[in-house]
Amino acid sequence: MRDFSWTYFAKTGDVDAYLLYKEACASALDEVGIEAEGEVEPFDAIQIES
């Protein structure tokens, strides 16, 4: 489902397809037992070198 919704979003730009993709990703992470919020470093904390 994730692959389909991402491909559809990439081709059409449909926001609903993107939201479905995010929901499918969160569900997949829940099944594995990983928290979606805690595993990713916040954007503000990422240091960008120039």
PDB file of N, CA and C in Angstrom:
ATOM      1  N   MET A   1       0.826  -1.184   0.000  1.00  0.00           N
ATOM      2  CA  MET A   1       0.000   0.000   0.000  1.00  0.00           C
ATOM      3  C   MET A   1       0.877   1.256   0.000  1.00  0.00           C
ATOM      4  N   ARG A   2       2.013   1.181   0.720  1.00  0.00           N
ATOM      5  CA  ARG A   2       2.890   2.341   0.762  1.00  0.00           C
ATOM      6  C   ARG A   2       3.444   2.659  -0.618  1.00  0.00           C
ATOM      7  N   ASP A   3       3.878   1.640  -1.334  1.00  0.00           N
ATOM      8  CA  ASP A   3       4.447   1.859  -2.662  1.00  0.00           C
ATOM      9  C   ASP A   3       3.419   2.469  -3.614  1.00  0.00           C
ATOM     10  N   PHE A   4       2.214   1.936  -3.579  1.00  0.00           N
ATOM     11  CA  PHE A   4       1.171   2.461  -4.453  1.00  0.00           C
ATOM     12  C   PHE A   4       0.841   3.909  -4.131  1.00  0.00           C
ATOM     13  N   SER A   5       0.635   4.199  -2.837  1.00  0.00           N
ATOM     14  CA  SER A   5       0.243   5.562  -2.478  1.00  0.00           C
ATOM     15  C   SER A   5       1.364   6.555  -2.763  1.00  0.00           C
ATOM     16  N   TRP A   6       2.635   6.141  -2.574  1.00  0.00           N
ATOM     17  CA  TRP A   6       3.747   7.040  -2.890  1.00  0.00           C
ATOM     18  C   TRP A   6       3.844   7.274  -4.400  1.00  0.00           C
ATOM     19  N   THR A   7       3.707   6.216  -5.179  1.00  0.00           N
ATOM     20  CA  THR A   7       3.776   6.355  -6.630  1.00  0.00           C
ATOM     21  C   THR A   7       2.648   7.242  -7.138  1.00  0.00           C
ATOM     22  N   TYR A   8       1.453   7.035  -6.618  1.00  0.00           N
ATOM     23  CA  TYR A   8       0.312   7.863  -7.012  1.00  0.00           C
ATOM     24  C   TYR A   8       0.549   9.320  -6.644  1.00  0.00           C
ATOM     25  N   PHE A   9       1.061   9.562  -5.430  1.00  0.00           N
ATOM     26  CA  PHE A   9       1.351  10.931  -5.005  1.00  0.00           C
ATOM     27  C   PHE A   9       2.417  11.567  -5.886  1.00  0.00           C
ATOM     28  N   ALA A  10       3.476  10.812  -6.186  1.00  0.00           N
ATOM     29  CA  ALA A  10       4.562  11.349  -7.003  1.00  0.00           C
ATOM     30  C   ALA A  10       4.086  11.725  -8.406  1.00  0.00           C
ATOM     31  N   LYS A  11       3.154  10.956  -8.943  1.00  0.00           N
ATOM     32  CA  LYS A  11       2.670  11.227 -10.298  1.00  0.00           C
ATOM     33  C   LYS A  11       1.600  12.316 -10.348  1.00  0.00           C
ATOM     34  N   THR A  12       0.792  12.425  -9.288  1.00  0.00           N
ATOM     35  CA  THR A  12      -0.344  13.339  -9.334  1.00  0.00           C
ATOM     36  C   THR A  12      -0.221  14.532  -8.396  1.00  0.00           C
ATOM     37  N   GLY A  13       0.559  14.397  -7.341  1.00  0.00           N
ATOM     38  CA  GLY A  13       0.645  15.464  -6.349  1.00  0.00           C
ATOM     39  C   GLY A  13      -0.557  15.516  -5.432  1.00  0.00           C
ATOM     40  N   ASP A  14      -1.350  14.458  -5.410  1.00  0.00           N
ATOM     41  CA  ASP A  14      -2.565  14.399  -4.604  1.00  0.00           C
ATOM     42  C   ASP A  14      -2.206  14.326  -3.119  1.00  0.00           C
ATOM     43  N   VAL A  15      -2.667  15.291  -2.345  1.00  0.00           N
ATOM     44  CA  VAL A  15      -2.341  15.370  -0.924  1.00  0.00           C
ATOM     45  C   VAL A  15      -2.928  14.188  -0.164  1.00  0.00           C
ATOM     46  N   ASP A  16      -4.111  13.749  -0.530  1.00  0.00           N
ATOM     47  CA  ASP A  16      -4.726  12.607   0.144  1.00  0.00           C
ATOM     48  C   ASP A  16      -3.874  11.352  -0.011  1.00  0.00           C
ATOM     49  N   ALA A  17      -3.249  11.187  -1.152  1.00  0.00           N
ATOM     50  CA  ALA A  17      -2.373  10.038  -1.364  1.00  0.00           C
ATOM     51  C   ALA A  17      -1.158  10.127  -0.451  1.00  0.00           C
ATOM     52  N   TYR A  18      -0.630  11.330  -0.253  1.00  0.00           N
ATOM     53  CA  TYR A  18       0.505  11.506   0.647  1.00  0.00           C
ATOM     54  C   TYR A  18       0.109  11.204   2.095  1.00  0.00           C
ATOM     55  N   LEU A  19      -1.060  11.670   2.498  1.00  0.00           N
ATOM     56  CA  LEU A  19      -1.523  11.392   3.855  1.00  0.00           C
ATOM     57  C   LEU A  19      -1.740   9.900   4.066  1.00  0.00           C
ATOM     58  N   LEU A  20      -2.249   9.216   3.043  1.00  0.00           N
ATOM     59  CA  LEU A  20      -2.399   7.767   3.118  1.00  0.00           C
ATOM     60  C   LEU A  20      -1.038   7.094   3.243  1.00  0.00           C
ATOM     61  N   TYR A  21      -0.046   7.595   2.504  1.00  0.00           N
ATOM     62  CA  TYR A  21       1.311   7.065   2.584  1.00  0.00           C
ATOM     63  C   TYR A  21       1.873   7.234   3.996  1.00  0.00           C
ATOM     64  N   LYS A  22       1.710   8.416   4.581  1.00  0.00           N
ATOM     65  CA  LYS A  22       2.201   8.648   5.934  1.00  0.00           C
ATOM     66  C   LYS A  22       1.531   7.720   6.932  1.00  0.00           C
ATOM     67  N   GLU A  23       0.229   7.519   6.769  1.00  0.00           N
ATOM     68  CA  GLU A  23      -0.513   6.637   7.668  1.00  0.00           C
ATOM     69  C   GLU A  23      -0.038   5.198   7.531  1.00  0.00           C
ATOM     70  N   ALA A  24       0.206   4.763   6.303  1.00  0.00           N
ATOM     71  CA  ALA A  24       0.690   3.403   6.064  1.00  0.00           C
ATOM     72  C   ALA A  24       2.078   3.220   6.658  1.00  0.00           C
ATOM     73  N   CYS A  25       2.931   4.223   6.555  1.00  0.00           N
ATOM     74  CA  CYS A  25       4.276   4.140   7.141  1.00  0.00           C
ATOM     75  C   CYS A  25       4.197   4.046   8.659  1.00  0.00           C
ATOM     76  N   ALA A  26       3.340   4.854   9.260  1.00  0.00           N
ATOM     77  CA  ALA A  26       3.183   4.830  10.710  1.00  0.00           C
ATOM     78  C   ALA A  26       2.647   3.477  11.173  1.00  0.00           C
ATOM     79  N   SER A  27       1.726   2.915  10.411  1.00  0.00           N
ATOM     80  CA  SER A  27       1.183   1.600  10.763  1.00  0.00           C
ATOM     81  C   SER A  27       2.254   0.522  10.669  1.00  0.00           C
ATOM     82  N   ALA A  28       3.095   0.614   9.646  1.00  0.00           N
ATOM     83  CA  ALA A  28       4.172  -0.367   9.482  1.00  0.00           C
ATOM     84  C   ALA A  28       5.157  -0.272  10.638  1.00  0.00           C
ATOM     85  N   LEU A  29       5.451   0.938  11.072  1.00  0.00           N
ATOM     86  CA  LEU A  29       6.367   1.123  12.194  1.00  0.00           C
ATOM     87  C   LEU A  29       5.751   0.606  13.487  1.00  0.00           C
ATOM     88  N   ASP A  30       4.444   0.811  13.655  1.00  0.00           N
ATOM     89  CA  ASP A  30       3.759   0.310  14.847  1.00  0.00           C
ATOM     90  C   ASP A  30       3.806  -1.212  14.906  1.00  0.00           C
ATOM     91  N   GLU A  31       3.664  -1.861  13.759  1.00  0.00           N
ATOM     92  CA  GLU A  31       3.701  -3.323  13.720  1.00  0.00           C
ATOM     93  C   GLU A  31       5.065  -3.845  14.139  1.00  0.00           C
ATOM     94  N   VAL A  32       6.109  -3.109  13.812  1.00  0.00           N
ATOM     95  CA  VAL A  32       7.465  -3.519  14.155  1.00  0.00           C
ATOM     96  C   VAL A  32       7.802  -3.111  15.587  1.00  0.00           C
ATOM     97  N   GLY A  33       7.061  -2.145  16.124  1.00  0.00           N
ATOM     98  CA  GLY A  33       7.281  -1.705  17.491  1.00  0.00           C
ATOM     99  C   GLY A  33       8.199  -0.505  17.599  1.00  0.00           C
ATOM    100  N   ILE A  34       8.305   0.269  16.540  1.00  0.00           N
ATOM    101  CA  ILE A  34       9.149   1.458  16.543  1.00  0.00           C
ATOM    102  C   ILE A  34       8.246   2.675  16.619  1.00  0.00           C
ATOM    103  N   GLU A  35       8.623   3.618  17.479  1.00  0.00           N
ATOM    104  CA  GLU A  35       7.858   4.853  17.564  1.00  0.00           C
ATOM    105  C   GLU A  35       8.252   5.761  16.418  1.00  0.00           C
ATOM    106  N   ALA A  36       7.282   6.266  15.696  1.00  0.00           N
ATOM    107  CA  ALA A  36       7.562   7.111  14.540  1.00  0.00           C
ATOM    108  C   ALA A  36       8.161   8.449  14.955  1.00  0.00           C
ATOM    109  N   GLU A  37       7.750   8.989  16.067  1.00  0.00           N
ATOM    110  CA  GLU A  37       8.218  10.307  16.479  1.00  0.00           C
ATOM    111  C   GLU A  37       9.623  10.264  17.064  1.00  0.00           C
ATOM    112  N   GLY A  38       9.959   9.262  17.832  1.00  0.00           N
ATOM    113  CA  GLY A  38      11.219   9.254  18.562  1.00  0.00           C
ATOM    114  C   GLY A  38      12.427   8.787  17.784  1.00  0.00           C
ATOM    115  N   GLU A  39      12.256   8.204  16.642  1.00  0.00           N
ATOM    116  CA  GLU A  39      13.375   7.618  15.916  1.00  0.00           C
ATOM    117  C   GLU A  39      14.066   8.581  14.962  1.00  0.00           C
ATOM    118  N   VAL A  40      13.434   9.700  14.659  1.00  0.00           N
ATOM    119  CA  VAL A  40      13.982  10.622  13.680  1.00  0.00           C
ATOM    120  C   VAL A  40      14.510  11.857  14.394  1.00  0.00           C
ATOM    121  N   GLU A  41      15.697  12.293  14.011  1.00  0.00           N
ATOM    122  CA  GLU A  41      16.277  13.489  14.600  1.00  0.00           C
ATOM    123  C   GLU A  41      15.511  14.712  14.107  1.00  0.00           C
ATOM    124  N   PRO A  42      15.127  15.611  15.019  1.00  0.00           N
ATOM    125  CA  PRO A  42      14.401  16.811  14.589  1.00  0.00           C
ATOM    126  C   PRO A  42      15.227  17.640  13.614  1.00  0.00           C
ATOM    127  N   PHE A  43      14.544  18.284  12.679  1.00  0.00           N
ATOM    128  CA  PHE A  43      15.229  19.063  11.658  1.00  0.00           C
ATOM    129  C   PHE A  43      16.072  20.169  12.280  1.00  0.00           C
ATOM    130  N   ASP A  44      15.581  20.789  13.338  1.00  0.00           N
ATOM    131  CA  ASP A  44      16.315  21.882  13.983  1.00  0.00           C
ATOM    132  C   ASP A  44      17.648  21.404  14.552  1.00  0.00           C
ATOM    133  N   ALA A  45      17.742  20.142  14.908  1.00  0.00           N
ATOM    134  CA  ALA A  45      18.951  19.630  15.530  1.00  0.00           C
ATOM    135  C   ALA A  45      19.996  19.195  14.506  1.00  0.00           C
ATOM    136  N   ILE A  46      19.630  19.125  13.254  1.00  0.00           N
ATOM    137  CA  ILE A  46      20.556  18.715  12.221  1.00  0.00           C
ATOM    138  C   ILE A  46      21.479  19.887  11.889  1.00  0.00           C
ATOM    139  N   GLN A  47      22.765  19.628  11.945  1.00  0.00           N
ATOM    140  CA  GLN A  47      23.720  20.688  11.640  1.00  0.00           C
ATOM    141  C   GLN A  47      24.133  20.585  10.182  1.00  0.00           C
ATOM    142  N   ILE A  48      24.024  21.683   9.495  1.00  0.00           N
ATOM    143  CA  ILE A  48      24.362  21.721   8.077  1.00  0.00           C
ATOM    144  C   ILE A  48      25.695  22.427   7.912  1.00  0.00           C
ATOM    145  N   GLU A  49      26.633  21.752   7.264  1.00  0.00           N
ATOM    146  CA  GLU A  49      27.940  22.349   7.038  1.00  0.00           C
ATOM    147  C   GLU A  49      27.939  23.086   5.713  1.00  0.00           C
ATOM    148  N   SER A  50      28.542  24.273   5.706  1.00  0.00           N
ATOM    149  CA  SER A  50      28.606  25.062   4.483  1.00  0.00           C
ATOM    150  C   SER A  50      29.967  24.946   3.840  1.00  0.00           C
TER     151      SER A  50
END
